[in-house]
PDB file of N, CA and C in Angstrom:
ATOM      1  N   UNK A   1      94.770  81.702 104.069  1.00  0.00           N
ATOM      2  CA  UNK A   1      95.485  82.491 103.089  1.00  0.00           C
ATOM      3  C   UNK A   1      94.536  83.530 102.504  1.00  0.00           C
ATOM      4  N   UNK A   2      95.091  84.509 101.848  1.00  0.00           N
ATOM      5  CA  UNK A   2      94.291  85.582 101.286  1.00  0.00           C
ATOM      6  C   UNK A   2      94.084  86.751 102.225  1.00  0.00           C
ATOM      7  N   UNK A   3      94.537  86.606 103.479  1.00  0.00           N
ATOM      8  CA  UNK A   3      94.422  87.700 104.445  1.00  0.00           C
ATOM      9  C   UNK A   3      95.318  88.863 104.042  1.00  0.00           C
ATOM     10  N   UNK A   4      94.929  90.046 104.455  1.00  0.00           N
ATOM     11  CA  UNK A   4      95.770  91.222 104.279  1.00  0.00           C
ATOM     12  C   UNK A   4      96.894  91.138 105.297  1.00  0.00           C
ATOM     13  N   UNK A   5      98.144  91.080 104.830  1.00  0.00           N
ATOM     14  CA  UNK A   5      99.296  90.934 105.716  1.00  0.00           C
ATOM     15  C   UNK A   5      99.907  92.279 106.097  1.00  0.00           C
ATOM     16  N   UNK A   6      99.851  93.245 105.200  1.00  0.00           N
ATOM     17  CA  UNK A   6     100.537  94.522 105.428  1.00  0.00           C
ATOM     18  C   UNK A   6     100.109  95.473 104.335  1.00  0.00           C
ATOM     19  N   UNK A   7     100.382  96.755 104.527  1.00  0.00           N
ATOM     20  CA  UNK A   7     100.164  97.760 103.494  1.00  0.00           C
ATOM     21  C   UNK A   7     101.297  98.775 103.583  1.00  0.00           C
ATOM     22  N   UNK A   8     101.841  99.109 102.437  1.00  0.00           N
ATOM     23  CA  UNK A   8     102.975 100.035 102.337  1.00  0.00           C
ATOM     24  C   UNK A   8     102.652 101.165 101.377  1.00  0.00           C
ATOM     25  N   UNK A   9     103.312 102.271 101.598  1.00  0.00           N
ATOM     26  CA  UNK A   9     103.320 103.376 100.648  1.00  0.00           C
ATOM     27  C   UNK A   9     104.784 103.664 100.334  1.00  0.00           C
ATOM     28  N   UNK A  10     105.159 103.568  99.081  1.00  0.00           N
ATOM     29  CA  UNK A  10     106.544 103.798  98.666  1.00  0.00           C
ATOM     30  C   UNK A  10     106.580 105.046  97.803  1.00  0.00           C
ATOM     31  N   UNK A  11     107.363 106.038  98.248  1.00  0.00           N
ATOM     32  CA  UNK A  11     107.414 107.342  97.584  1.00  0.00           C
ATOM     33  C   UNK A  11     108.842 107.885  97.602  1.00  0.00           C
ATOM     34  N   UNK A  12     109.097 108.862  96.786  1.00  0.00           N
ATOM     35  CA  UNK A  12     110.431 109.474  96.726  1.00  0.00           C
ATOM     36  C   UNK A  12     110.750 110.253  98.001  1.00  0.00           C
ATOM     37  N   UNK A  13     109.742 110.827  98.642  1.00  0.00           N
ATOM     38  CA  UNK A  13     109.941 111.699  99.802  1.00  0.00           C
ATOM     39  C   UNK A  13     109.283 111.124 101.052  1.00  0.00           C
ATOM     40  N   UNK A  14     109.740 109.946 101.480  1.00  0.00           N
ATOM     41  CA  UNK A  14     109.116 109.231 102.602  1.00  0.00           C
ATOM     42  C   UNK A  14     109.135 110.044 103.900  1.00  0.00           C
ATOM     43  N   UNK A  15     110.209 110.775 104.167  1.00  0.00           N
ATOM     44  CA  UNK A  15     110.287 111.539 105.419  1.00  0.00           C
ATOM     45  C   UNK A  15     109.177 112.590 105.477  1.00  0.00           C
ATOM     46  N   UNK A  16     108.953 113.290 104.391  1.00  0.00           N
ATOM     47  CA  UNK A  16     107.899 114.303 104.331  1.00  0.00           C
ATOM     48  C   UNK A  16     106.518 113.658 104.416  1.00  0.00           C
ATOM     49  N   UNK A  17     106.321 112.568 103.711  1.00  0.00           N
ATOM     50  CA  UNK A  17     105.020 111.904 103.679  1.00  0.00           C
ATOM     51  C   UNK A  17     104.690 111.279 105.033  1.00  0.00           C
ATOM     52  N   UNK A  18     105.689 110.727 105.731  1.00  0.00           N
ATOM     53  CA  UNK A  18     105.415 110.171 107.068  1.00  0.00           C
ATOM     54  C   UNK A  18     104.982 111.281 108.014  1.00  0.00           C
ATOM     55  N   UNK A  19     105.549 112.487 107.884  1.00  0.00           N
ATOM     56  CA  UNK A  19     105.121 113.619 108.705  1.00  0.00           C
ATOM     57  C   UNK A  19     103.671 113.995 108.398  1.00  0.00           C
ATOM     58  N   UNK A  20     103.303 113.950 107.114  1.00  0.00           N
ATOM     59  CA  UNK A  20     101.934 114.235 106.697  1.00  0.00           C
ATOM     60  C   UNK A  20     100.962 113.296 107.406  1.00  0.00           C
ATOM     61  N   UNK A  21     101.225 111.979 107.330  1.00  0.00           N
ATOM     62  CA  UNK A  21     100.313 111.012 107.942  1.00  0.00           C
ATOM     63  C   UNK A  21     100.357 111.067 109.463  1.00  0.00           C
ATOM     64  N   UNK A  22     101.476 111.447 110.034  1.00  0.00           N
ATOM     65  CA  UNK A  22     101.542 111.617 111.484  1.00  0.00           C
ATOM     66  C   UNK A  22     100.589 112.733 111.909  1.00  0.00           C
ATOM     67  N   UNK A  23     100.604 113.845 111.183  1.00  0.00           N
ATOM     68  CA  UNK A  23      99.761 114.991 111.525  1.00  0.00           C
ATOM     69  C   UNK A  23      98.293 114.766 111.176  1.00  0.00           C
ATOM     70  N   UNK A  24      98.022 114.125 110.043  1.00  0.00           N
ATOM     71  CA  UNK A  24      96.644 113.965 109.572  1.00  0.00           C
ATOM     72  C   UNK A  24      95.930 112.802 110.250  1.00  0.00           C
ATOM     73  N   UNK A  25      96.607 111.642 110.363  1.00  0.00           N
ATOM     74  CA  UNK A  25      95.973 110.424 110.863  1.00  0.00           C
ATOM     75  C   UNK A  25      96.321 110.160 112.334  1.00  0.00           C
ATOM     76  N   UNK A  26      97.477 110.634 112.777  1.00  0.00           N
ATOM     77  CA  UNK A  26      97.897 110.418 114.151  1.00  0.00           C
ATOM     78  C   UNK A  26      98.846 109.257 114.346  1.00  0.00           C
ATOM     79  N   UNK A  27      99.269 108.608 113.247  1.00  0.00           N
ATOM     80  CA  UNK A  27     100.245 107.520 113.370  1.00  0.00           C
ATOM     81  C   UNK A  27     101.560 108.056 113.909  1.00  0.00           C
ATOM     82  N   UNK A  28     102.259 107.233 114.666  1.00  0.00           N
ATOM     83  CA  UNK A  28     103.561 107.595 115.226  1.00  0.00           C
ATOM     84  C   UNK A  28     104.660 106.883 114.448  1.00  0.00           C
ATOM     85  N   UNK A  29     105.588 107.638 113.856  1.00  0.00           N
ATOM     86  CA  UNK A  29     106.631 107.007 113.041  1.00  0.00           C
ATOM     87  C   UNK A  29     107.721 106.358 113.892  1.00  0.00           C
ATOM     88  N   UNK A  30     108.213 105.246 113.398  1.00  0.00           N
ATOM     89  CA  UNK A  30     109.374 104.572 113.978  1.00  0.00           C
ATOM     90  C   UNK A  30     110.346 104.298 112.841  1.00  0.00           C
ATOM     91  N   UNK A  31     111.544 104.833 112.943  1.00  0.00           N
ATOM     92  CA  UNK A  31     112.537 104.675 111.884  1.00  0.00           C
ATOM     93  C   UNK A  31     112.942 103.208 111.753  1.00  0.00           C
ATOM     94  N   UNK A  32     113.061 102.762 110.509  1.00  0.00           N
ATOM     95  CA  UNK A  32     113.541 101.420 110.184  1.00  0.00           C
ATOM     96  C   UNK A  32     114.823 101.602 109.382  1.00  0.00           C
ATOM     97  N   UNK A  33     115.937 101.215 109.956  1.00  0.00           N
ATOM     98  CA  UNK A  33     117.250 101.415 109.334  1.00  0.00           C
ATOM     99  C   UNK A  33     117.378 100.570 108.075  1.00  0.00           C
ATOM    100  N   UNK A  34     117.600 101.235 106.949  1.00  0.00           N
ATOM    101  CA  UNK A  34     117.781 100.561 105.667  1.00  0.00           C
ATOM    102  C   UNK A  34     119.231 100.674 105.200  1.00  0.00           C
ATOM    103  N   UNK A  35     120.129 101.026 106.091  1.00  0.00           N
ATOM    104  CA  UNK A  35     121.546 101.183 105.746  1.00  0.00           C
ATOM    105  C   UNK A  35     121.900 102.642 105.605  1.00  0.00           C
ATOM    106  N   UNK A  36     121.693 103.182 104.407  1.00  0.00           N
ATOM    107  CA  UNK A  36     122.049 104.581 104.141  1.00  0.00           C
ATOM    108  C   UNK A  36     120.892 105.552 104.356  1.00  0.00           C
ATOM    109  N   UNK A  37     119.731 105.045 104.704  1.00  0.00           N
ATOM    110  CA  UNK A  37     118.556 105.887 104.926  1.00  0.00           C
ATOM    111  C   UNK A  37     117.580 105.131 105.816  1.00  0.00           C
ATOM    112  N   UNK A  38     116.533 105.805 106.261  1.00  0.00           N
ATOM    113  CA  UNK A  38     115.481 105.181 107.064  1.00  0.00           C
ATOM    114  C   UNK A  38     114.181 105.118 106.284  1.00  0.00           C
ATOM    115  N   UNK A  39     113.503 103.987 106.370  1.00  0.00           N
ATOM    116  CA  UNK A  39     112.098 103.893 106.030  1.00  0.00           C
ATOM    117  C   UNK A  39     111.356 104.018 107.357  1.00  0.00           C
ATOM    118  N   UNK A  40     110.019 103.944 107.326  1.00  0.00           N
ATOM    119  CA  UNK A  40     109.261 104.194 108.543  1.00  0.00           C
ATOM    120  C   UNK A  40     108.137 103.188 108.738  1.00  0.00           C
ATOM    121  N   UNK A  41     108.093 102.614 109.931  1.00  0.00           N
ATOM    122  CA  UNK A  41     106.930 101.873 110.374  1.00  0.00           C
ATOM    123  C   UNK A  41     106.030 102.912 111.032  1.00  0.00           C
ATOM    124  N   UNK A  42     104.796 102.964 110.611  1.00  0.00           N
ATOM    125  CA  UNK A  42     103.855 103.909 111.199  1.00  0.00           C
ATOM    126  C   UNK A  42     103.010 103.134 112.196  1.00  0.00           C
ATOM    127  N   UNK A  43     103.081 103.556 113.464  1.00  0.00           N
ATOM    128  CA  UNK A  43     102.469 102.824 114.558  1.00  0.00           C
ATOM    129  C   UNK A  43     101.208 103.515 115.063  1.00  0.00           C
ATOM    130  N   UNK A  44     100.272 102.700 115.548  1.00  0.00           N
ATOM    131  CA  UNK A  44      99.035 103.202 116.135  1.00  0.00           C
ATOM    132  C   UNK A  44      99.388 104.090 117.327  1.00  0.00           C
ATOM    133  N   UNK A  45      98.734 105.210 117.448  1.00  0.00           N
ATOM    134  CA  UNK A  45      99.071 106.196 118.483  1.00  0.00           C
ATOM    135  C   UNK A  45      98.908 105.652 119.903  1.00  0.00           C
ATOM    136  N   UNK A  46      97.868 104.853 120.168  1.00  0.00           N
ATOM    137  CA  UNK A  46      97.640 104.357 121.517  1.00  0.00           C
ATOM    138  C   UNK A  46      98.393 103.051 121.800  1.00  0.00           C
ATOM    139  N   UNK A  47      98.336 102.102 120.880  1.00  0.00           N
ATOM    140  CA  UNK A  47      98.925 100.779 121.143  1.00  0.00           C
ATOM    141  C   UNK A  47     100.395 100.678 120.743  1.00  0.00           C
ATOM    142  N   UNK A  48     100.856 101.610 119.915  1.00  0.00           N
ATOM    143  CA  UNK A  48     102.214 101.595 119.358  1.00  0.00           C
ATOM    144  C   UNK A  48     102.462 100.372 118.482  1.00  0.00           C
ATOM    145  N   UNK A  49     101.414  99.668 118.065  1.00  0.00           N
ATOM    146  CA  UNK A  49     101.529  98.528 117.159  1.00  0.00           C
ATOM    147  C   UNK A  49     101.676  99.034 115.730  1.00  0.00           C
ATOM    148  N   UNK A  50     102.523  98.383 114.927  1.00  0.00           N
ATOM    149  CA  UNK A  50     102.672  98.798 113.530  1.00  0.00           C
ATOM    150  C   UNK A  50     101.350  98.707 112.768  1.00  0.00           C
ATOM    151  N   UNK A  51     101.055  99.750 112.007  1.00  0.00           N
ATOM    152  CA  UNK A  51      99.840  99.821 111.211  1.00  0.00           C
ATOM    153  C   UNK A  51     100.169  99.698 109.727  1.00  0.00           C
ATOM    154  N   UNK A  52     101.256 100.353 109.314  1.00  0.00           N
ATOM    155  CA  UNK A  52     101.615 100.416 107.904  1.00  0.00           C
ATOM    156  C   UNK A  52     103.075 100.825 107.779  1.00  0.00           C
ATOM    157  N   UNK A  53     103.586 100.827 106.567  1.00  0.00           N
ATOM    158  CA  UNK A  53     104.935 101.300 106.311  1.00  0.00           C
ATOM    159  C   UNK A  53     104.934 102.424 105.293  1.00  0.00           C
ATOM    160  N   UNK A  54     105.826 103.371 105.481  1.00  0.00           N
ATOM    161  CA  UNK A  54     106.060 104.412 104.478  1.00  0.00           C
ATOM    162  C   UNK A  54     107.534 104.331 104.132  1.00  0.00           C
ATOM    163  N   UNK A  55     107.799 104.045 102.867  1.00  0.00           N
ATOM    164  CA  UNK A  55     109.149 103.688 102.427  1.00  0.00           C
ATOM    165  C   UNK A  55     109.640 104.610 101.313  1.00  0.00           C
ATOM    166  N   UNK A  56     110.951 104.757 101.271  1.00  0.00           N
ATOM    167  CA  UNK A  56     111.585 105.479 100.171  1.00  0.00           C
ATOM    168  C   UNK A  56     111.607 104.597  98.925  1.00  0.00           C
ATOM    169  N   UNK A  57     111.454 105.201  97.778  1.00  0.00           N
ATOM    170  CA  UNK A  57     111.544 104.487  96.505  1.00  0.00           C
ATOM    171  C   UNK A  57     113.019 104.311  96.143  1.00  0.00           C
ATOM    172  N   UNK A  58     113.712 103.523  96.959  1.00  0.00           N
ATOM    173  CA  UNK A  58     115.138 103.243  96.776  1.00  0.00           C
ATOM    174  C   UNK A  58     115.392 101.770  97.048  1.00  0.00           C
ATOM    175  N   UNK A  59     116.583 101.307  96.706  1.00  0.00           N
ATOM    176  CA  UNK A  59     116.969  99.931  97.001  1.00  0.00           C
ATOM    177  C   UNK A  59     115.963  98.938  96.462  1.00  0.00           C
ATOM    178  N   UNK A  60     115.527  97.991  97.307  1.00  0.00           N
ATOM    179  CA  UNK A  60     114.580  96.965  96.861  1.00  0.00           C
ATOM    180  C   UNK A  60     113.221  97.551  96.511  1.00  0.00           C
ATOM    181  N   UNK A  61     112.946  98.776  96.941  1.00  0.00           N
ATOM    182  CA  UNK A  61     111.660  99.421  96.655  1.00  0.00           C
ATOM    183  C   UNK A  61     111.714 100.360  95.454  1.00  0.00           C
ATOM    184  N   UNK A  62     112.836 100.432  94.772  1.00  0.00           N
ATOM    185  CA  UNK A  62     113.000 101.391  93.674  1.00  0.00           C
ATOM    186  C   UNK A  62     111.977 101.203  92.561  1.00  0.00           C
ATOM    187  N   UNK A  63     111.523  99.977  92.343  1.00  0.00           N
ATOM    188  CA  UNK A  63     110.621  99.718  91.218  1.00  0.00           C
ATOM    189  C   UNK A  63     109.157  99.595  91.639  1.00  0.00           C
ATOM    190  N   UNK A  64     108.825  99.997  92.868  1.00  0.00           N
ATOM    191  CA  UNK A  64     107.434  99.900  93.315  1.00  0.00           C
ATOM    192  C   UNK A  64     106.653 101.159  92.938  1.00  0.00           C
ATOM    193  N   UNK A  65     105.375 100.984  92.619  1.00  0.00           N
ATOM    194  CA  UNK A  65     104.563 102.158  92.272  1.00  0.00           C
ATOM    195  C   UNK A  65     104.295 103.032  93.491  1.00  0.00           C
ATOM    196  N   UNK A  66     104.129 104.330  93.270  1.00  0.00           N
ATOM    197  CA  UNK A  66     103.840 105.287  94.347  1.00  0.00           C
ATOM    198  C   UNK A  66     102.348 105.270  94.631  1.00  0.00           C
ATOM    199  N   UNK A  67     101.927 104.225  95.307  1.00  0.00           N
ATOM    200  CA  UNK A  67     100.525 104.055  95.677  1.00  0.00           C
ATOM    201  C   UNK A  67     100.466 103.198  96.931  1.00  0.00           C
ATOM    202  N   UNK A  68      99.361 103.272  97.679  1.00  0.00           N
ATOM    203  CA  UNK A  68      99.199 102.349  98.795  1.00  0.00           C
ATOM    204  C   UNK A  68      99.149 100.954  98.230  1.00  0.00           C
ATOM    205  N   UNK A  69      99.991 100.081  98.742  1.00  0.00           N
ATOM    206  CA  UNK A  69     100.158  98.742  98.175  1.00  0.00           C
ATOM    207  C   UNK A  69      99.843  97.679  99.225  1.00  0.00           C
ATOM    208  N   UNK A  70      98.681  97.004  99.105  1.00  0.00           N
ATOM    209  CA  UNK A  70      98.375  95.932 100.052  1.00  0.00           C
ATOM    210  C   UNK A  70      99.168  94.668  99.712  1.00  0.00           C
ATOM    211  N   UNK A  71      99.541  93.925 100.749  1.00  0.00           N
ATOM    212  CA  UNK A  71     100.238  92.645 100.609  1.00  0.00           C
ATOM    213  C   UNK A  71      99.292  91.547 101.075  1.00  0.00           C
ATOM    214  N   UNK A  72      98.907  90.634 100.173  1.00  0.00           N
ATOM    215  CA  UNK A  72      97.989  89.546 100.489  1.00  0.00           C
ATOM    216  C   UNK A  72      98.763  88.251 100.690  1.00  0.00           C
ATOM    217  N   UNK A  73      98.442  87.525 101.773  1.00  0.00           N
ATOM    218  CA  UNK A  73      99.114  86.255 102.060  1.00  0.00           C
ATOM    219  C   UNK A  73      98.715  85.181 101.060  1.00  0.00           C
ATOM    220  N   UNK A  74      99.708  84.421 100.596  1.00  0.00           N
ATOM    221  CA  UNK A  74      99.476  83.265  99.730  1.00  0.00           C
ATOM    222  C   UNK A  74     100.235  82.075 100.306  1.00  0.00           C
ATOM    223  N   UNK A  75      99.753  80.870 100.014  1.00  0.00           N
ATOM    224  CA  UNK A  75     100.375  79.647 100.523  1.00  0.00           C
ATOM    225  C   UNK A  75     101.618  79.281  99.740  1.00  0.00           C
ATOM    226  N   UNK A  76     101.643  79.604  98.446  1.00  0.00           N
ATOM    227  CA  UNK A  76     102.761  79.233  97.576  1.00  0.00           C
ATOM    228  C   UNK A  76     103.010  80.394  96.614  1.00  0.00           C
ATOM    229  N   UNK A  77     104.066  81.153  96.843  1.00  0.00           N
ATOM    230  CA  UNK A  77     104.343  82.353  96.046  1.00  0.00           C
ATOM    231  C   UNK A  77     104.623  82.023  94.587  1.00  0.00           C
ATOM    232  N   UNK A  78     105.318  80.929  94.327  1.00  0.00           N
ATOM    233  CA  UNK A  78     105.634  80.560  92.945  1.00  0.00           C
ATOM    234  C   UNK A  78     104.370  80.197  92.174  1.00  0.00           C
ATOM    235  N   UNK A  79     103.509  79.402  92.788  1.00  0.00           N
ATOM    236  CA  UNK A  79     102.248  79.027  92.146  1.00  0.00           C
ATOM    237  C   UNK A  79     101.355  80.251  91.949  1.00  0.00           C
ATOM    238  N   UNK A  80     101.298  81.117  92.941  1.00  0.00           N
ATOM    239  CA  UNK A  80     100.472  82.322  92.832  1.00  0.00           C
ATOM    240  C   UNK A  80     100.969  83.223  91.703  1.00  0.00           C
ATOM    241  N   UNK A  81     102.287  83.370  91.572  1.00  0.00           N
ATOM    242  CA  UNK A  81     102.851  84.187  90.491  1.00  0.00           C
ATOM    243  C   UNK A  81     102.516  83.589  89.127  1.00  0.00           C
ATOM    244  N   UNK A  82     102.559  82.269  89.017  1.00  0.00           N
ATOM    245  CA  UNK A  82     102.185  81.612  87.759  1.00  0.00           C
ATOM    246  C   UNK A  82     100.716  81.876  87.436  1.00  0.00           C
ATOM    247  N   UNK A  83      99.864  81.841  88.445  1.00  0.00           N
ATOM    248  CA  UNK A  83      98.438  82.088  88.233  1.00  0.00           C
ATOM    249  C   UNK A  83      98.151  83.536  87.839  1.00  0.00           C
ATOM    250  N   UNK A  84      98.954  84.472  88.342  1.00  0.00           N
ATOM    251  CA  UNK A  84      98.794  85.867  87.937  1.00  0.00           C
ATOM    252  C   UNK A  84      98.872  85.970  86.417  1.00  0.00           C
ATOM    253  N   UNK A  85      99.923  85.408  85.860  1.00  0.00           N
ATOM    254  CA  UNK A  85     100.141  85.462  84.411  1.00  0.00           C
ATOM    255  C   UNK A  85      99.061  84.665  83.676  1.00  0.00           C
ATOM    256  N   UNK A  86      98.748  83.467  84.176  1.00  0.00           N
ATOM    257  CA  UNK A  86      97.742  82.617  83.529  1.00  0.00           C
ATOM    258  C   UNK A  86      96.365  83.269  83.516  1.00  0.00           C
ATOM    259  N   UNK A  87      96.084  84.095  84.525  1.00  0.00           N
ATOM    260  CA  UNK A  87      94.773  84.730  84.628  1.00  0.00           C
ATOM    261  C   UNK A  87      94.729  86.131  84.037  1.00  0.00           C
ATOM    262  N   UNK A  88      95.766  86.519  83.283  1.00  0.00           N
ATOM    263  CA  UNK A  88      95.757  87.798  82.586  1.00  0.00           C
ATOM    264  C   UNK A  88      96.360  88.958  83.346  1.00  0.00           C
ATOM    265  N   UNK A  89      97.021  88.674  84.461  1.00  0.00           N
ATOM    266  CA  UNK A  89      97.693  89.726  85.212  1.00  0.00           C
ATOM    267  C   UNK A  89      99.135  89.864  84.761  1.00  0.00           C
ATOM    268  N   UNK A  90      99.886  90.656  85.507  1.00  0.00           N
ATOM    269  CA  UNK A  90     101.284  90.939  85.154  1.00  0.00           C
ATOM    270  C   UNK A  90     102.135  90.996  86.420  1.00  0.00           C
ATOM    271  N   UNK A  91     103.325  90.430  86.350  1.00  0.00           N
ATOM    272  CA  UNK A  91     104.285  90.553  87.440  1.00  0.00           C
ATOM    273  C   UNK A  91     105.021  91.870  87.245  1.00  0.00           C
ATOM    274  N   UNK A  92     104.954  92.760  88.227  1.00  0.00           N
ATOM    275  CA  UNK A  92     105.632  94.054  88.135  1.00  0.00           C
ATOM    276  C   UNK A  92     107.054  93.988  88.673  1.00  0.00           C
ATOM    277  N   UNK A  93     107.343  92.995  89.518  1.00  0.00           N
ATOM    278  CA  UNK A  93     108.693  92.768  90.029  1.00  0.00           C
ATOM    279  C   UNK A  93     108.973  91.278  89.946  1.00  0.00           C
ATOM    280  N   UNK A  94     110.218  90.925  90.146  1.00  0.00           N
ATOM    281  CA  UNK A  94     110.547  89.517  90.336  1.00  0.00           C
ATOM    282  C   UNK A  94     110.128  89.132  91.751  1.00  0.00           C
ATOM    283  N   UNK A  95     110.102  87.843  92.049  1.00  0.00           N
ATOM    284  CA  UNK A  95     109.842  87.404  93.419  1.00  0.00           C
ATOM    285  C   UNK A  95     111.076  87.754  94.248  1.00  0.00           C
ATOM    286  N   UNK A  96     110.854  88.480  95.337  1.00  0.00           N
ATOM    287  CA  UNK A  96     111.953  88.967  96.182  1.00  0.00           C
ATOM    288  C   UNK A  96     111.870  88.342  97.571  1.00  0.00           C
ATOM    289  N   UNK A  97     113.014  88.244  98.234  1.00  0.00           N
ATOM    290  CA  UNK A  97     113.066  87.739  99.609  1.00  0.00           C
ATOM    291  C   UNK A  97     112.980  88.901 100.585  1.00  0.00           C
ATOM    292  N   UNK A  98     112.384  88.600 101.747  1.00  0.00           N
ATOM    293  CA  UNK A  98     112.295  89.606 102.805  1.00  0.00           C
ATOM    294  C   UNK A  98     112.480  88.899 104.136  1.00  0.00           C
ATOM    295  N   UNK A  99     113.467  89.321 104.891  1.00  0.00           N
ATOM    296  CA  UNK A  99     113.650  88.809 106.243  1.00  0.00           C
ATOM    297  C   UNK A  99     113.812  87.308 106.337  1.00  0.00           C
ATOM    298  N   UNK A 100     114.686  86.736 105.562  1.00  0.00           N
ATOM    299  CA  UNK A 100     114.931  85.296 105.638  1.00  0.00           C
ATOM    300  C   UNK A 100     114.140  84.536 104.599  1.00  0.00           C
ATOM    301  N   UNK A 101     113.118  83.783 105.055  1.00  0.00           N
ATOM    302  CA  UNK A 101     112.387  82.910 104.141  1.00  0.00           C
ATOM    303  C   UNK A 101     111.090  83.512 103.606  1.00  0.00           C
ATOM    304  N   UNK A 102     110.708  84.694 104.056  1.00  0.00           N
ATOM    305  CA  UNK A 102     109.515  85.348 103.515  1.00  0.00           C
ATOM    306  C   UNK A 102     109.827  85.834 102.106  1.00  0.00           C
ATOM    307  N   UNK A 103     108.804  85.816 101.220  1.00  0.00           N
ATOM    308  CA  UNK A 103     108.992  86.231  99.834  1.00  0.00           C
ATOM    309  C   UNK A 103     107.756  86.993  99.358  1.00  0.00           C
ATOM    310  N   UNK A 104     107.968  87.910  98.405  1.00  0.00           N
ATOM    311  CA  UNK A 104     106.838  88.674  97.875  1.00  0.00           C
ATOM    312  C   UNK A 104     107.088  89.031  96.413  1.00  0.00           C
ATOM    313  N   UNK A 105     106.003  89.350  95.733  1.00  0.00           N
ATOM    314  CA  UNK A 105     106.054  89.824  94.353  1.00  0.00           C
ATOM    315  C   UNK A 105     104.956  90.869  94.182  1.00  0.00           C
ATOM    316  N   UNK A 106     105.261  91.941  93.471  1.00  0.00           N
ATOM    317  CA  UNK A 106     104.265  92.977  93.179  1.00  0.00           C
ATOM    318  C   UNK A 106     103.652  92.641  91.832  1.00  0.00           C
ATOM    319  N   UNK A 107     102.334  92.707  91.778  1.00  0.00           N
ATOM    320  CA  UNK A 107     101.606  92.310  90.565  1.00  0.00           C
ATOM    321  C   UNK A 107     100.627  93.399  90.147  1.00  0.00           C
ATOM    322  N   UNK A 108     100.116  93.231  88.943  1.00  0.00           N
ATOM    323  CA  UNK A 108      99.013  94.048  88.454  1.00  0.00           C
ATOM    324  C   UNK A 108      97.928  93.080  88.007  1.00  0.00           C
ATOM    325  N   UNK A 109      96.704  93.305  88.458  1.00  0.00           N
ATOM    326  CA  UNK A 109      95.606  92.433  88.049  1.00  0.00           C
ATOM    327  C   UNK A 109      95.121  92.824  86.649  1.00  0.00           C
ATOM    328  N   UNK A 110      94.210  92.065  86.053  1.00  0.00           N
ATOM    329  CA  UNK A 110      93.767  92.372  84.688  1.00  0.00           C
ATOM    330  C   UNK A 110      93.138  93.756  84.524  1.00  0.00           C
ATOM    331  N   UNK A 111      92.634  94.352  85.609  1.00  0.00           N
ATOM    332  CA  UNK A 111      92.050  95.693  85.541  1.00  0.00           C
ATOM    333  C   UNK A 111      93.103  96.785  85.686  1.00  0.00           C
ATOM    334  N   UNK A 112      94.355  96.401  86.027  1.00  0.00           N
ATOM    335  CA  UNK A 112      95.431  97.369  86.181  1.00  0.00           C
ATOM    336  C   UNK A 112      95.735  97.769  87.615  1.00  0.00           C
ATOM    337  N   UNK A 113      95.008  97.195  88.592  1.00  0.00           N
ATOM    338  CA  UNK A 113      95.257  97.513  90.002  1.00  0.00           C
ATOM    339  C   UNK A 113      96.488  96.757  90.502  1.00  0.00           C
ATOM    340  N   UNK A 114      97.347  97.446  91.240  1.00  0.00           N
ATOM    341  CA  UNK A 114      98.567  96.834  91.773  1.00  0.00           C
ATOM    342  C   UNK A 114      98.343  96.366  93.207  1.00  0.00           C
ATOM    343  N   UNK A 115      98.992  95.261  93.553  1.00  0.00           N
ATOM    344  CA  UNK A 115      99.053  94.756  94.923  1.00  0.00           C
ATOM    345  C   UNK A 115     100.272  93.848  95.001  1.00  0.00           C
ATOM    346  N   UNK A 116     100.540  93.321  96.168  1.00  0.00           N
ATOM    347  CA  UNK A 116     101.646  92.382  96.327  1.00  0.00           C
ATOM    348  C   UNK A 116     101.111  91.080  96.895  1.00  0.00           C
ATOM    349  N   UNK A 117     101.737  89.992  96.490  1.00  0.00           N
ATOM    350  CA  UNK A 117     101.457  88.675  97.052  1.00  0.00           C
ATOM    351  C   UNK A 117     102.599  88.364  97.995  1.00  0.00           C
ATOM    352  N   UNK A 118     102.292  87.848  99.172  1.00  0.00           N
ATOM    353  CA  UNK A 118     103.283  87.690 100.226  1.00  0.00           C
ATOM    354  C   UNK A 118     103.229  86.285 100.798  1.00  0.00           C
ATOM    355  N   UNK A 119     104.357  85.595 100.769  1.00  0.00           N
ATOM    356  CA  UNK A 119     104.495  84.296 101.402  1.00  0.00           C
ATOM    357  C   UNK A 119     105.250  84.495 102.709  1.00  0.00           C
ATOM    358  N   UNK A 120     104.622  84.133 103.813  1.00  0.00           N
ATOM    359  CA  UNK A 120     105.218  84.279 105.143  1.00  0.00           C
ATOM    360  C   UNK A 120     105.464  82.880 105.695  1.00  0.00           C
ATOM    361  N   UNK A 121     106.713  82.547 105.943  1.00  0.00           N
ATOM    362  CA  UNK A 121     107.099  81.208 106.376  1.00  0.00           C
ATOM    363  C   UNK A 121     106.261  80.725 107.555  1.00  0.00           C
ATOM    364  N   UNK A 122     106.022  81.557 108.551  1.00  0.00           N
ATOM    365  CA  UNK A 122     105.263  81.162 109.726  1.00  0.00           C
ATOM    366  C   UNK A 122     103.814  80.809 109.383  1.00  0.00           C
ATOM    367  N   UNK A 123     103.288  81.388 108.317  1.00  0.00           N
ATOM    368  CA  UNK A 123     101.884  81.203 107.958  1.00  0.00           C
ATOM    369  C   UNK A 123     101.574  79.784 107.503  1.00  0.00           C
ATOM    370  N   UNK A 124     102.596  79.002 107.092  1.00  0.00           N
ATOM    371  CA  UNK A 124     102.302  77.668 106.585  1.00  0.00           C
ATOM    372  C   UNK A 124     102.495  76.588 107.643  1.00  0.00           C
ATOM    373  N   UNK A 125     102.623  76.970 108.893  1.00  0.00           N
ATOM    374  CA  UNK A 125     102.798  75.983 109.974  1.00  0.00           C
ATOM    375  C   UNK A 125     101.454  75.502 110.475  1.00  0.00           C
TER     376      UNK A 125
END
């Protein structure tokens, strides 16, 4: 646990920002259907493996800060969220579900830095 699971950038203008990173870094965008709009998985140019996500600040992402947001794996999301508060941090969102049994919460540490804690069902096997 504690590994970096993913990193996202959530912004109002995801389509424009994904083009920026495609041109500057060389990532290849892949549209991710969110219903009424697309978010983007940004894939490595040679391997086509997902590297990061660039998302619109809409729907479940409406309350996320416009910053690169790392997601750190935890063994127990509820216990980790309790420890955030006990250790002087702050929960910026409620604990949310993603893709079935995976769950995450966006937090702020005591210094004010934001990140997300991520529970991945497969990780506890």
